[in-house]
Amino acid sequence: MNRRRPLLSLRRHAVPWERQRPTWREARPGVIAGALRRAQARPSGNWFVVGASRALRGDGKLARTVAGQEVVVWRGPDGRLVGGPGVCPHLGAPLRDSPVRCGTLVCHWHGLALDGRPYAGWAPLPVHDDGVLVWARLDEVGGEEPLDAPVVPRRPGPRGALDTVYTGVGVCEPEDVVANRLDPWHGAWFHPYSFVDLRVVDAPGDRAAADDGPDALTVDVSFKVAGRLVVPVRAVFTAPEPRTVVMHITEGEGAGSVVETHATPLGADEAGRPRTAVIEAVVAASDRPGFAAARRAAPLLRPVLRAAAGRLWRDDLAYAERRWQLRSTGRFPG
């Protein structure tokens, strides 16, 4: 599949940013709204992404507020993933600030010890480690029929992949993050430092009804390397559940790689505005011989990949925040 497109290409007919083909006619509001509506109708089973699995090595823990509920996750004495409320049942200490010692979370206020089993009014929550991300199930928050496990997208096998996780926070709601990812038409205009020659070759249309066929956005795009040197790929965007959009590279260098964007609601800030965490997992794969060396250099490459994701999300969170601002004041077009 990789051989269908060259690893690198030289743009022979590059045009200035302002002279590239406009995409606003294709980026129809109804198309984006329809894709968002269908994503929101899919079940999540009340699962929310908390953070990266890698954070739970040794005595590590993850702590996050999800829709106003404090959650803490760690590995118990037997190495099993455990998690529950982030409020100490004794006097309410924030367990996010408490250390884990040999699989036991020890409250730093008065020493109450939790090993993941129900104790003193503290009750565990369902949690799941998919190998890259950690999820928690909050049935009271989600309000859906619970699922035994989260809807995890298809990924490359872990032995042949390199993964990293980026986290950012914006003043918006999860739907604003999802809507951003379901608008690939903005890529070469809004991120000219990363993308060029973007063309959406297939879109589901602005259907008003529920799913009646494949619901994916297929994009041909080139990633900028240096000057006119680019990496052309084909990518397919799908939304398997309400708070997730996945980009699969289907042709070109890195075919089989995925970028998963998960939107986790955090709760309101001091001004009463909603805050959402963008937790993005990049799982890269390649059948080229040199990729084995890249995997061995993973500790050096992960910060580079996170920095690249962070640069894109500085722009995309501005998009999501602007969308929420207009929606919340009744000024969003259409």
C-alpha atoms as a PDB file:
ATOM      1  CA  MET A   1       0.000   0.000   0.000  1.00  0.00           C
ATOM      2  CA  ASN A   2       2.878   2.386   0.750  1.00  0.00           C
ATOM      3  CA  ARG A   3       4.254   1.915  -2.766  1.00  0.00           C
ATOM      4  CA  ARG A   4       1.169   3.514  -4.336  1.00  0.00           C
ATOM      5  CA  ARG A   5       2.521   6.912  -3.321  1.00  0.00           C
ATOM      6  CA  PRO A   6       6.161   8.014  -3.123  1.00  0.00           C
ATOM      7  CA  LEU A   7       7.793   8.548   0.249  1.00  0.00           C
ATOM      8  CA  LEU A   8       8.796  12.080  -0.739  1.00  0.00           C
ATOM      9  CA  SER A   9       7.631  14.338  -3.525  1.00  0.00           C
ATOM     10  CA  LEU A  10       8.829  17.663  -4.893  1.00  0.00           C
ATOM     11  CA  ARG A  11       6.039  20.183  -5.442  1.00  0.00           C
ATOM     12  CA  ARG A  12       6.782  21.482  -8.923  1.00  0.00           C
ATOM     13  CA  HIS A  13       3.821  23.847  -9.110  1.00  0.00           C
ATOM     14  CA  ALA A  14       3.700  25.287  -5.616  1.00  0.00           C
ATOM     15  CA  VAL A  15       1.539  28.372  -5.257  1.00  0.00           C
ATOM     16  CA  PRO A  16       1.502  31.073  -2.568  1.00  0.00           C
ATOM     17  CA  TRP A  17      -0.923  30.573   0.322  1.00  0.00           C
ATOM     18  CA  GLU A  18      -3.371  33.218  -0.944  1.00  0.00           C
ATOM     19  CA  ARG A  19      -3.527  31.670  -4.428  1.00  0.00           C
ATOM     20  CA  GLN A  20      -4.360  28.117  -3.408  1.00  0.00           C
ATOM     21  CA  ARG A  21      -7.755  26.728  -4.332  1.00  0.00           C
ATOM     22  CA  PRO A  22     -10.509  28.007  -1.974  1.00  0.00           C
ATOM     23  CA  THR A  23     -12.309  25.267  -0.052  1.00  0.00           C
ATOM     24  CA  TRP A  24     -15.138  27.220   1.579  1.00  0.00           C
ATOM     25  CA  ARG A  25     -17.752  26.112  -0.960  1.00  0.00           C
ATOM     26  CA  GLU A  26     -16.941  22.436  -0.292  1.00  0.00           C
ATOM     27  CA  ALA A  27     -16.813  22.891   3.494  1.00  0.00           C
ATOM     28  CA  ARG A  28     -20.587  23.184   3.648  1.00  0.00           C
ATOM     29  CA  PRO A  29     -21.891  23.823   7.171  1.00  0.00           C
ATOM     30  CA  GLY A  30     -24.538  21.152   6.628  1.00  0.00           C
ATOM     31  CA  VAL A  31     -21.914  18.513   5.849  1.00  0.00           C
ATOM     32  CA  ILE A  32     -19.952  19.236   9.019  1.00  0.00           C
ATOM     33  CA  ALA A  33     -23.102  19.533  11.140  1.00  0.00           C
ATOM     34  CA  GLY A  34     -24.456  16.269   9.747  1.00  0.00           C
ATOM     35  CA  ALA A  35     -21.247  14.385  10.493  1.00  0.00           C
ATOM     36  CA  LEU A  36     -21.212  15.851  14.005  1.00  0.00           C
ATOM     37  CA  ARG A  37     -24.848  14.920  14.590  1.00  0.00           C
ATOM     38  CA  ARG A  38     -24.252  11.328  13.534  1.00  0.00           C
ATOM     39  CA  ALA A  39     -21.164  11.092  15.761  1.00  0.00           C
ATOM     40  CA  GLN A  40     -23.151  12.343  18.745  1.00  0.00           C
ATOM     41  CA  ALA A  41     -25.789   9.665  18.127  1.00  0.00           C
ATOM     42  CA  ARG A  42     -23.286   6.815  18.431  1.00  0.00           C
ATOM     43  CA  PRO A  43     -22.863   5.060  21.791  1.00  0.00           C
ATOM     44  CA  SER A  44     -19.880   5.743  24.019  1.00  0.00           C
ATOM     45  CA  GLY A  45     -20.986   3.478  26.851  1.00  0.00           C
ATOM     46  CA  ASN A  46     -20.178   6.366  29.231  1.00  0.00           C
ATOM     47  CA  TRP A  47     -16.406   5.950  28.753  1.00  0.00           C
ATOM     48  CA  PHE A  48     -14.122   8.990  28.904  1.00  0.00           C
ATOM     49  CA  VAL A  49     -10.389   9.188  28.156  1.00  0.00           C
ATOM     50  CA  VAL A  50      -8.390  10.166  31.240  1.00  0.00           C
ATOM     51  CA  GLY A  51      -4.837  10.185  29.893  1.00  0.00           C
ATOM     52  CA  ALA A  52      -1.880   8.203  28.579  1.00  0.00           C
ATOM     53  CA  SER A  53      -1.182   4.628  29.705  1.00  0.00           C
ATOM     54  CA  ARG A  54       2.511   5.450  29.932  1.00  0.00           C
ATOM     55  CA  ALA A  55       1.788   7.732  32.913  1.00  0.00           C
ATOM     56  CA  LEU A  56       0.914   4.692  35.038  1.00  0.00           C
ATOM     57  CA  ARG A  57       4.313   3.081  35.110  1.00  0.00           C
ATOM     58  CA  GLY A  58       5.629   2.307  38.571  1.00  0.00           C
ATOM     59  CA  ASP A  59       3.921   4.465  41.169  1.00  0.00           C
ATOM     60  CA  GLY A  60       2.480   6.829  38.593  1.00  0.00           C
ATOM     61  CA  LYS A  61      -1.135   7.902  38.610  1.00  0.00           C
ATOM     62  CA  LEU A  62      -3.577   9.852  36.464  1.00  0.00           C
ATOM     63  CA  ALA A  63      -5.919  12.430  37.924  1.00  0.00           C
ATOM     64  CA  ARG A  64      -8.445  14.449  35.986  1.00  0.00           C
ATOM     65  CA  THR A  65     -11.755  16.196  36.530  1.00  0.00           C
ATOM     66  CA  VAL A  66     -14.319  14.791  34.085  1.00  0.00           C
ATOM     67  CA  ALA A  67     -17.522  16.820  33.729  1.00  0.00           C
ATOM     68  CA  GLY A  68     -16.994  18.174  37.229  1.00  0.00           C
ATOM     69  CA  GLN A  69     -16.197  14.803  38.829  1.00  0.00           C
ATOM     70  CA  GLU A  70     -12.683  14.242  40.168  1.00  0.00           C
ATOM     71  CA  VAL A  71     -11.230  10.921  39.037  1.00  0.00           C
ATOM     72  CA  VAL A  72      -7.953   9.228  39.967  1.00  0.00           C
ATOM     73  CA  VAL A  73      -6.469   6.102  38.341  1.00  0.00           C
ATOM     74  CA  TRP A  74      -3.395   4.049  39.276  1.00  0.00           C
ATOM     75  CA  ARG A  75      -2.144   0.456  39.411  1.00  0.00           C
ATOM     76  CA  GLY A  76      -2.988  -1.547  42.510  1.00  0.00           C
ATOM     77  CA  PRO A  77      -0.645  -3.820  44.487  1.00  0.00           C
ATOM     78  CA  ASP A  78      -1.077  -6.626  41.920  1.00  0.00           C
ATOM     79  CA  GLY A  79      -0.468  -4.286  38.953  1.00  0.00           C
ATOM     80  CA  ARG A  80      -4.140  -4.257  38.045  1.00  0.00           C
ATOM     81  CA  LEU A  81      -5.593  -0.934  36.856  1.00  0.00           C
ATOM     82  CA  VAL A  82      -7.821   0.642  39.505  1.00  0.00           C
ATOM     83  CA  GLY A  83      -9.553   3.983  39.805  1.00  0.00           C
ATOM     84  CA  GLY A  84     -12.307   5.881  41.483  1.00  0.00           C
ATOM     85  CA  PRO A  85     -13.362   9.272  42.840  1.00  0.00           C
ATOM     86  CA  GLY A  86     -10.581  11.773  43.391  1.00  0.00           C
ATOM     87  CA  VAL A  87     -12.084  12.988  46.680  1.00  0.00           C
ATOM     88  CA  CYS A  88     -10.904  11.374  49.905  1.00  0.00           C
ATOM     89  CA  PRO A  89     -13.960   9.981  51.737  1.00  0.00           C
ATOM     90  CA  HIS A  90     -12.556  11.086  55.091  1.00  0.00           C
ATOM     91  CA  LEU A  91     -12.428  14.893  54.869  1.00  0.00           C
ATOM     92  CA  GLY A  92     -12.381  15.527  51.123  1.00  0.00           C
ATOM     93  CA  ALA A  93      -8.666  15.829  50.412  1.00  0.00           C
ATOM     94  CA  PRO A  94      -7.772  16.033  46.704  1.00  0.00           C
ATOM     95  CA  LEU A  95      -6.383  12.595  45.916  1.00  0.00           C
ATOM     96  CA  ARG A  96      -4.757  14.005  42.771  1.00  0.00           C
ATOM     97  CA  ASP A  97      -2.070  15.336  45.133  1.00  0.00           C
ATOM     98  CA  SER A  98      -1.630  12.077  47.069  1.00  0.00           C
ATOM     99  CA  PRO A  99       1.215   9.654  46.276  1.00  0.00           C
ATOM    100  CA  VAL A 100       1.035   5.994  45.286  1.00  0.00           C
ATOM    101  CA  ARG A 101       3.234   3.660  47.299  1.00  0.00           C
ATOM    102  CA  CYS A 102       3.541  -0.005  46.248  1.00  0.00           C
ATOM    103  CA  GLY A 103       0.143   0.074  44.566  1.00  0.00           C
ATOM    104  CA  THR A 104      -1.652   1.867  47.405  1.00  0.00           C
ATOM    105  CA  LEU A 105      -2.848   5.458  47.132  1.00  0.00           C
ATOM    106  CA  VAL A 106      -2.104   7.160  50.448  1.00  0.00           C
ATOM    107  CA  CYS A 107      -4.035  10.326  51.275  1.00  0.00           C
ATOM    108  CA  HIS A 108      -1.553  13.072  52.082  1.00  0.00           C
ATOM    109  CA  TRP A 109      -3.864  14.706  54.628  1.00  0.00           C
ATOM    110  CA  HIS A 110      -4.377  11.898  57.145  1.00  0.00           C
ATOM    111  CA  GLY A 111      -2.910   8.726  55.629  1.00  0.00           C
ATOM    112  CA  LEU A 112      -6.100   6.917  54.587  1.00  0.00           C
ATOM    113  CA  ALA A 113      -4.864   4.138  52.266  1.00  0.00           C
ATOM    114  CA  LEU A 114      -6.755   2.915  49.175  1.00  0.00           C
ATOM    115  CA  ASP A 115      -5.769  -0.165  47.197  1.00  0.00           C
ATOM    116  CA  GLY A 116      -8.619   0.063  44.685  1.00  0.00           C
ATOM    117  CA  ARG A 117     -11.169  -1.920  46.675  1.00  0.00           C
ATOM    118  CA  PRO A 118     -14.249  -0.290  48.271  1.00  0.00           C
ATOM    119  CA  TYR A 119     -13.282   1.249  51.582  1.00  0.00           C
ATOM    120  CA  ALA A 120     -14.637   3.856  54.007  1.00  0.00           C
ATOM    121  CA  GLY A 121     -17.263   5.074  51.542  1.00  0.00           C
ATOM    122  CA  TRP A 122     -14.857   5.184  48.591  1.00  0.00           C
ATOM    123  CA  ALA A 123     -16.076   2.997  45.686  1.00  0.00           C
ATOM    124  CA  PRO A 124     -14.058   2.110  42.560  1.00  0.00           C
ATOM    125  CA  LEU A 125     -15.071   3.058  39.024  1.00  0.00           C
ATOM    126  CA  PRO A 126     -14.787   0.865  35.917  1.00  0.00           C
ATOM    127  CA  VAL A 127     -11.472   1.687  34.220  1.00  0.00           C
ATOM    128  CA  HIS A 128      -9.768   0.380  31.079  1.00  0.00           C
ATOM    129  CA  ASP A 129      -6.232   0.487  29.686  1.00  0.00           C
ATOM    130  CA  ASP A 130      -6.160  -0.056  25.902  1.00  0.00           C
ATOM    131  CA  GLY A 131      -2.356  -0.005  25.768  1.00  0.00           C
ATOM    132  CA  VAL A 132      -2.101   3.643  24.737  1.00  0.00           C
ATOM    133  CA  LEU A 133      -4.865   5.431  26.656  1.00  0.00           C
ATOM    134  CA  VAL A 134      -6.618   5.003  29.984  1.00  0.00           C
ATOM    135  CA  TRP A 135     -10.403   5.343  30.156  1.00  0.00           C
ATOM    136  CA  ALA A 136     -12.876   5.674  33.039  1.00  0.00           C
ATOM    137  CA  ARG A 137     -16.583   4.888  32.896  1.00  0.00           C
ATOM    138  CA  LEU A 138     -18.809   7.492  34.518  1.00  0.00           C
ATOM    139  CA  ASP A 139     -22.386   6.332  34.172  1.00  0.00           C
ATOM    140  CA  GLU A 140     -23.898   9.284  36.005  1.00  0.00           C
ATOM    141  CA  VAL A 141     -22.108  11.693  33.682  1.00  0.00           C
ATOM    142  CA  GLY A 142     -22.670   9.832  30.418  1.00  0.00           C
ATOM    143  CA  GLY A 143     -26.279   8.844  31.008  1.00  0.00           C
ATOM    144  CA  GLU A 144     -26.118   6.122  28.328  1.00  0.00           C
ATOM    145  CA  GLU A 145     -26.471   2.372  28.483  1.00  0.00           C
ATOM    146  CA  PRO A 146     -23.095   1.266  29.901  1.00  0.00           C
ATOM    147  CA  LEU A 147     -20.683  -0.744  27.754  1.00  0.00           C
ATOM    148  CA  ASP A 148     -18.238  -3.249  29.217  1.00  0.00           C
ATOM    149  CA  ALA A 149     -15.346  -1.565  27.371  1.00  0.00           C
ATOM    150  CA  PRO A 150     -14.803   1.702  25.489  1.00  0.00           C
ATOM    151  CA  VAL A 151     -15.044   2.025  21.714  1.00  0.00           C
ATOM    152  CA  VAL A 152     -11.348   1.793  20.857  1.00  0.00           C
ATOM    153  CA  PRO A 153     -10.411   2.484  17.206  1.00  0.00           C
ATOM    154  CA  ARG A 154      -8.439  -0.006  15.128  1.00  0.00           C
ATOM    155  CA  ARG A 155      -4.680   0.583  15.524  1.00  0.00           C
ATOM    156  CA  PRO A 156      -1.383  -0.867  14.307  1.00  0.00           C
ATOM    157  CA  GLY A 157      -0.019  -3.716  16.417  1.00  0.00           C
ATOM    158  CA  PRO A 158       1.964  -2.405  19.395  1.00  0.00           C
ATOM    159  CA  ARG A 159       5.146  -4.310  18.507  1.00  0.00           C
ATOM    160  CA  GLY A 160       5.538  -2.463  15.221  1.00  0.00           C
ATOM    161  CA  ALA A 161       4.287   0.975  16.232  1.00  0.00           C
ATOM    162  CA  LEU A 162       5.483   4.122  17.943  1.00  0.00           C
ATOM    163  CA  ASP A 163       2.936   5.973  20.051  1.00  0.00           C
ATOM    164  CA  THR A 164       2.750   9.254  21.872  1.00  0.00           C
ATOM    165  CA  VAL A 165      -0.014  11.266  23.529  1.00  0.00           C
ATOM    166  CA  TYR A 166      -0.569  15.026  23.498  1.00  0.00           C
ATOM    167  CA  THR A 167      -2.943  16.831  25.889  1.00  0.00           C
ATOM    168  CA  GLY A 168      -4.265  20.375  25.592  1.00  0.00           C
ATOM    169  CA  VAL A 169      -7.154  22.266  27.191  1.00  0.00           C
ATOM    170  CA  GLY A 170      -9.539  24.781  25.686  1.00  0.00           C
ATOM    171  CA  VAL A 171     -12.592  26.832  26.634  1.00  0.00           C
ATOM    172  CA  CYS A 172     -15.183  24.940  24.626  1.00  0.00           C
ATOM    173  CA  GLU A 173     -17.288  21.787  24.674  1.00  0.00           C
ATOM    174  CA  PRO A 174     -16.385  18.363  23.224  1.00  0.00           C
ATOM    175  CA  GLU A 175     -18.634  18.938  20.213  1.00  0.00           C
ATOM    176  CA  ASP A 176     -16.518  21.943  19.207  1.00  0.00           C
ATOM    177  CA  VAL A 177     -13.377  19.797  19.165  1.00  0.00           C
ATOM    178  CA  VAL A 178     -15.132  17.059  17.192  1.00  0.00           C
ATOM    179  CA  ALA A 179     -16.519  19.605  14.713  1.00  0.00           C
ATOM    180  CA  ASN A 180     -12.997  20.924  14.147  1.00  0.00           C
ATOM    181  CA  ARG A 181     -11.728  17.455  13.265  1.00  0.00           C
ATOM    182  CA  LEU A 182     -14.719  16.829  10.987  1.00  0.00           C
ATOM    183  CA  ASP A 183     -13.705  19.891   8.956  1.00  0.00           C
ATOM    184  CA  PRO A 184     -10.578  18.774   7.086  1.00  0.00           C
ATOM    185  CA  TRP A 185     -11.133  21.500   4.483  1.00  0.00           C
ATOM    186  CA  HIS A 186      -9.444  24.051   6.735  1.00  0.00           C
ATOM    187  CA  GLY A 187      -6.124  22.169   6.828  1.00  0.00           C
ATOM    188  CA  ALA A 188      -4.015  23.850   4.144  1.00  0.00           C
ATOM    189  CA  TRP A 189      -5.498  27.284   4.860  1.00  0.00           C
ATOM    190  CA  PHE A 190      -5.280  27.257   8.644  1.00  0.00           C
ATOM    191  CA  HIS A 191      -2.096  25.147   8.988  1.00  0.00           C
ATOM    192  CA  PRO A 192       0.053  26.117   5.982  1.00  0.00           C
ATOM    193  CA  TYR A 193       3.225  25.290   7.921  1.00  0.00           C
ATOM    194  CA  SER A 194       2.187  21.603   7.973  1.00  0.00           C
ATOM    195  CA  PHE A 195      -0.235  20.853   5.114  1.00  0.00           C
ATOM    196  CA  VAL A 196      -0.387  21.653   1.409  1.00  0.00           C
ATOM    197  CA  ASP A 197      -2.316  20.448  -1.640  1.00  0.00           C
ATOM    198  CA  LEU A 198      -5.255  19.285   0.464  1.00  0.00           C
ATOM    199  CA  ARG A 199      -8.261  17.901  -1.366  1.00  0.00           C
ATOM    200  CA  VAL A 200     -11.286  16.142   0.130  1.00  0.00           C
ATOM    201  CA  VAL A 201     -11.982  13.367  -2.372  1.00  0.00           C
ATOM    202  CA  ASP A 202     -15.010  11.832  -0.649  1.00  0.00           C
ATOM    203  CA  ALA A 203     -17.481  13.116   1.944  1.00  0.00           C
ATOM    204  CA  PRO A 204     -20.772  11.658   3.210  1.00  0.00           C
ATOM    205  CA  GLY A 205     -22.847  14.720   2.307  1.00  0.00           C
ATOM    206  CA  ASP A 206     -25.207  16.688   4.513  1.00  0.00           C
ATOM    207  CA  ARG A 207     -27.716  13.901   5.103  1.00  0.00           C
ATOM    208  CA  ALA A 208     -30.429  14.892   7.553  1.00  0.00           C
ATOM    209  CA  ALA A 209     -31.249  11.328   8.576  1.00  0.00           C
ATOM    210  CA  ALA A 210     -29.219   8.829  10.564  1.00  0.00           C
ATOM    211  CA  ASP A 211     -26.471   6.759   8.974  1.00  0.00           C
ATOM    212  CA  ASP A 212     -27.441   5.399   5.580  1.00  0.00           C
ATOM    213  CA  GLY A 213     -24.008   4.487   4.269  1.00  0.00           C
ATOM    214  CA  PRO A 214     -20.278   4.866   4.906  1.00  0.00           C
ATOM    215  CA  ASP A 215     -19.670   7.909   7.083  1.00  0.00           C
ATOM    216  CA  ALA A 216     -16.105   8.967   6.371  1.00  0.00           C
ATOM    217  CA  LEU A 217     -14.144  11.879   4.993  1.00  0.00           C
ATOM    218  CA  THR A 218     -11.338  10.861   2.618  1.00  0.00           C
ATOM    219  CA  VAL A 219      -8.556  13.383   2.097  1.00  0.00           C
ATOM    220  CA  ASP A 220      -5.486  13.602  -0.118  1.00  0.00           C
ATOM    221  CA  VAL A 221      -2.913  15.852   1.488  1.00  0.00           C
ATOM    222  CA  SER A 222       0.838  16.435   1.618  1.00  0.00           C
ATOM    223  CA  PHE A 223       2.774  16.976   4.831  1.00  0.00           C
ATOM    224  CA  LYS A 224       5.471  19.613   4.496  1.00  0.00           C
ATOM    225  CA  VAL A 225       9.045  18.527   5.172  1.00  0.00           C
ATOM    226  CA  ALA A 226      11.225  21.406   3.939  1.00  0.00           C
ATOM    227  CA  GLY A 227      10.807  23.895   1.133  1.00  0.00           C
ATOM    228  CA  ARG A 228       8.974  22.133  -1.702  1.00  0.00           C
ATOM    229  CA  LEU A 229       9.680  18.677  -0.303  1.00  0.00           C
ATOM    230  CA  VAL A 230       6.488  16.975   0.923  1.00  0.00           C
ATOM    231  CA  VAL A 231       5.093  13.574   1.941  1.00  0.00           C
ATOM    232  CA  PRO A 232       1.825  12.841   0.089  1.00  0.00           C
ATOM    233  CA  VAL A 233      -0.737  10.579   1.801  1.00  0.00           C
ATOM    234  CA  ARG A 234      -4.380   9.645   1.747  1.00  0.00           C
ATOM    235  CA  ALA A 235      -6.202   9.882   5.092  1.00  0.00           C
ATOM    236  CA  VAL A 236      -9.683   8.819   6.163  1.00  0.00           C
ATOM    237  CA  PHE A 237     -11.493  10.565   9.031  1.00  0.00           C
ATOM    238  CA  THR A 238     -14.222   8.779  11.009  1.00  0.00           C
ATOM    239  CA  ALA A 239     -16.034   9.392  14.298  1.00  0.00           C
ATOM    240  CA  PRO A 240     -16.626   6.045  16.052  1.00  0.00           C
ATOM    241  CA  GLU A 241     -18.243   7.624  19.137  1.00  0.00           C
ATOM    242  CA  PRO A 242     -19.440  11.073  20.287  1.00  0.00           C
ATOM    243  CA  ARG A 243     -16.129  12.384  21.618  1.00  0.00           C
ATOM    244  CA  THR A 244     -13.624  10.760  19.255  1.00  0.00           C
ATOM    245  CA  VAL A 245     -12.436  11.435  15.709  1.00  0.00           C
ATOM    246  CA  VAL A 246      -9.868   9.110  14.136  1.00  0.00           C
ATOM    247  CA  MET A 247      -7.619   9.757  11.152  1.00  0.00           C
ATOM    248  CA  HIS A 248      -6.332   6.590   9.456  1.00  0.00           C
ATOM    249  CA  ILE A 249      -3.484   6.901   6.944  1.00  0.00           C
ATOM    250  CA  THR A 250      -4.573   4.506   4.198  1.00  0.00           C
ATOM    251  CA  GLU A 251      -2.036   5.254   1.431  1.00  0.00           C
ATOM    252  CA  GLY A 252       1.446   6.690   1.351  1.00  0.00           C
ATOM    253  CA  GLU A 253       4.203   6.739   3.938  1.00  0.00           C
ATOM    254  CA  GLY A 254       2.972   5.479   7.295  1.00  0.00           C
ATOM    255  CA  ALA A 255      -0.040   3.622   5.886  1.00  0.00           C
ATOM    256  CA  GLY A 256      -1.837   2.024   8.819  1.00  0.00           C
ATOM    257  CA  SER A 257      -0.898   4.824  11.228  1.00  0.00           C
ATOM    258  CA  VAL A 258      -3.671   6.520  13.182  1.00  0.00           C
ATOM    259  CA  VAL A 259      -4.229   9.816  14.950  1.00  0.00           C
ATOM    260  CA  GLU A 260      -7.000   9.611  17.550  1.00  0.00           C
ATOM    261  CA  THR A 261      -8.463  12.834  18.878  1.00  0.00           C
ATOM    262  CA  HIS A 262     -10.475  12.408  22.077  1.00  0.00           C
ATOM    263  CA  ALA A 263     -12.421  15.246  23.700  1.00  0.00           C
ATOM    264  CA  THR A 264     -12.987  14.923  27.453  1.00  0.00           C
ATOM    265  CA  PRO A 265     -15.231  17.478  29.188  1.00  0.00           C
ATOM    266  CA  LEU A 266     -13.599  18.838  32.333  1.00  0.00           C
ATOM    267  CA  GLY A 267     -16.232  21.147  33.813  1.00  0.00           C
ATOM    268  CA  ALA A 268     -16.666  24.890  34.138  1.00  0.00           C
ATOM    269  CA  ASP A 269     -13.893  27.381  34.844  1.00  0.00           C
ATOM    270  CA  GLU A 270     -14.158  30.221  37.376  1.00  0.00           C
ATOM    271  CA  ALA A 271     -16.178  32.262  34.879  1.00  0.00           C
ATOM    272  CA  GLY A 272     -18.623  29.423  34.314  1.00  0.00           C
ATOM    273  CA  ARG A 273     -17.284  28.595  30.848  1.00  0.00           C
ATOM    274  CA  PRO A 274     -16.913  24.932  29.798  1.00  0.00           C
ATOM    275  CA  ARG A 275     -13.429  23.466  29.528  1.00  0.00           C
ATOM    276  CA  THR A 276     -12.482  20.476  27.408  1.00  0.00           C
ATOM    277  CA  ALA A 277      -9.288  18.420  27.288  1.00  0.00           C
ATOM    278  CA  VAL A 278      -8.027  17.351  23.882  1.00  0.00           C
ATOM    279  CA  ILE A 279      -6.194  14.043  24.392  1.00  0.00           C
ATOM    280  CA  GLU A 280      -4.638  13.029  21.086  1.00  0.00           C
ATOM    281  CA  ALA A 281      -2.909   9.700  20.544  1.00  0.00           C
ATOM    282  CA  VAL A 282      -0.559   9.315  17.589  1.00  0.00           C
ATOM    283  CA  VAL A 283       0.160   5.677  16.756  1.00  0.00           C
ATOM    284  CA  ALA A 284       2.680   5.618  13.909  1.00  0.00           C
ATOM    285  CA  ALA A 285       3.650   2.578  11.846  1.00  0.00           C
ATOM    286  CA  SER A 286       5.651   1.913   8.704  1.00  0.00           C
ATOM    287  CA  ASP A 287       6.893  -1.118   6.797  1.00  0.00           C
ATOM    288  CA  ARG A 288      10.128   0.624   5.831  1.00  0.00           C
ATOM    289  CA  PRO A 289      13.323  -0.880   7.320  1.00  0.00           C
ATOM    290  CA  GLY A 290      14.376   2.406   8.875  1.00  0.00           C
ATOM    291  CA  PHE A 291      11.273   2.543  11.047  1.00  0.00           C
ATOM    292  CA  ALA A 292      12.767  -0.039  13.421  1.00  0.00           C
ATOM    293  CA  ALA A 293      15.507   2.464  14.221  1.00  0.00           C
ATOM    294  CA  ALA A 294      12.863   5.142  14.759  1.00  0.00           C
ATOM    295  CA  ARG A 295      11.112   2.912  17.282  1.00  0.00           C
ATOM    296  CA  ARG A 296      14.361   2.412  19.159  1.00  0.00           C
ATOM    297  CA  ALA A 297      14.683   6.200  19.299  1.00  0.00           C
ATOM    298  CA  ALA A 298      11.126   6.556  20.619  1.00  0.00           C
ATOM    299  CA  PRO A 299      12.122   8.407  23.830  1.00  0.00           C
ATOM    300  CA  LEU A 300      13.707  11.111  21.648  1.00  0.00           C
ATOM    301  CA  LEU A 301      10.949  11.172  19.027  1.00  0.00           C
ATOM    302  CA  ARG A 302       7.948  11.357  21.348  1.00  0.00           C
ATOM    303  CA  PRO A 303       8.652  14.959  22.466  1.00  0.00           C
ATOM    304  CA  VAL A 304       9.073  15.946  18.805  1.00  0.00           C
ATOM    305  CA  LEU A 305       5.712  14.385  17.876  1.00  0.00           C
ATOM    306  CA  ARG A 306       4.011  16.016  20.865  1.00  0.00           C
ATOM    307  CA  ALA A 307       5.456  19.395  19.908  1.00  0.00           C
ATOM    308  CA  ALA A 308       4.124  19.019  16.354  1.00  0.00           C
ATOM    309  CA  ALA A 309       0.679  18.100  17.695  1.00  0.00           C
ATOM    310  CA  GLY A 310       0.819  21.018  20.107  1.00  0.00           C
ATOM    311  CA  ARG A 311       1.525  23.488  17.315  1.00  0.00           C
ATOM    312  CA  LEU A 312      -1.486  22.261  15.352  1.00  0.00           C
ATOM    313  CA  TRP A 313      -3.723  22.292  18.415  1.00  0.00           C
ATOM    314  CA  ARG A 314      -2.818  25.855  19.319  1.00  0.00           C
ATOM    315  CA  ASP A 315      -4.618  26.754  16.101  1.00  0.00           C
ATOM    316  CA  ASP A 316      -7.349  24.126  16.307  1.00  0.00           C
ATOM    317  CA  LEU A 317      -8.249  24.974  19.896  1.00  0.00           C
ATOM    318  CA  ALA A 318      -8.636  28.593  18.769  1.00  0.00           C
ATOM    319  CA  TYR A 319     -11.078  27.268  16.136  1.00  0.00           C
ATOM    320  CA  ALA A 320     -12.978  25.220  18.742  1.00  0.00           C
ATOM    321  CA  GLU A 321     -13.036  28.063  21.257  1.00  0.00           C
ATOM    322  CA  ARG A 322     -14.294  30.510  18.630  1.00  0.00           C
ATOM    323  CA  ARG A 323     -17.021  28.064  17.617  1.00  0.00           C
ATOM    324  CA  TRP A 324     -18.165  27.711  21.244  1.00  0.00           C
ATOM    325  CA  GLN A 325     -18.063  31.471  21.786  1.00  0.00           C
ATOM    326  CA  LEU A 326     -20.315  32.066  18.795  1.00  0.00           C
ATOM    327  CA  ARG A 327     -22.665  29.208  19.699  1.00  0.00           C
ATOM    328  CA  SER A 328     -23.006  30.354  23.288  1.00  0.00           C
ATOM    329  CA  THR A 329     -23.982  33.874  22.217  1.00  0.00           C
ATOM    330  CA  GLY A 330     -26.328  32.844  19.413  1.00  0.00           C
ATOM    331  CA  ARG A 331     -24.032  34.140  16.680  1.00  0.00           C
ATOM    332  CA  PHE A 332     -22.879  30.905  15.071  1.00  0.00           C
ATOM    333  CA  PRO A 333     -23.673  31.010  11.323  1.00  0.00           C
ATOM    334  CA  GLY A 334     -26.641  28.895  10.260  1.00  0.00           C
END
